[in-house]
Amino acid sequence: MKIYFIAILMMVFPCLVHSQNPENAPVRLKQINIVKTNYQNSKDGEIVNKTIVFKDGKIQTITTSDVIQHFFYNTKGLLDMTVKDKVGSDWKEVVNYTYDADNNITKFVKKYQEGNDYITKVVTFGYEGARVKVTTKKSTNHQNLVDDIEYIVENGTIVRRTSRDRNKAIIGKIEYVYFNDNVIKHKGLVGDKISKSFTFDDKNSVDLLIVKKLFGDNYKIIVPMISYHEEEFSFESISPNNEIVFSPSSTVLVGVSRKYKYNKLNFPISCSQVEENGIVKTEKTFIYE
């Protein structure tokens, strides 16, 4: 019996050692510090500091000098609500997210102040096979319908975005191109025909860590659609690698380049970002648990 017990222990022990190996533990963000310098407004540059704080890998707060945004989650761990407050002011911005039983986003509601107007923007998402139909309405718009959008999904990713006017005529169409699951191009086909090209490194994406924690298994569909309404989430953050160059086909947009330093697990510990016109420079540092 003793020999039998030892044999079992010898089989189990390597598995225990493997599971306790720090390299196999989930990577979780603890904090991101961002310093953004805009050299357009003054000789020394206008500096904006931003701090993103995480708990269990999920964003808890995003803080600048005068604004703090709190993040709240539902019972399934998906992003449920964000609230922005401005220091010394009654200004507030509230966003609510609603999902169906399969954790697909079905509604996005944003309440905010624009000048003297208090606005409610409601974005609804309807799923019809490979199509996601999205409509946007604003409380201050007399025509009611603001956007009529349709996304096409193939192999679990969004490959096309089509926008229509009130008469259902196509006024815009964008095609998305992927390579190694990275979003490498937005091709404007109808309406705005500007193309946006992206290149990536071969390391682990810090942005992907964030969006997977916020939106769960359906992040590849949710994030691209939400990126049109929330600047904190970029379309390219669903990519498994880190974006190093953004190159637009028009001078209307400004190109961006980034340089990273990585830890032993090939996640970024810092990022230096420069806009090609030299006006805006951003330094980021990433702290993990």
Foldseek 3Di string as FASTA:
>chain_A
DVVVVVVVCVVCVVVVVVVPPPLPDDWAFAKKWKWKFFCPPDPVTDIWIWMWGDDPRETAWIDIPFKIKGWDADPVQATAKIKIDGPPDPFIKIWGWDADPVLDTAKIWIWGDDPNDTKIKIWGWDDDPQKIWIWIAMPPDPVGTDWTKIFGDDPLATAKIWTADPVRDTAWMWGFDDDQQFGAKIATDHHPGKMKGWDFDPFFEPLCSHQCSHRNPSSRPPQPVCVVPDVVGHNRSNGRTGTAWIDMPDPVDWIKGKDFDADPRRYGQKIWMATPVRRMIMIMGIHID
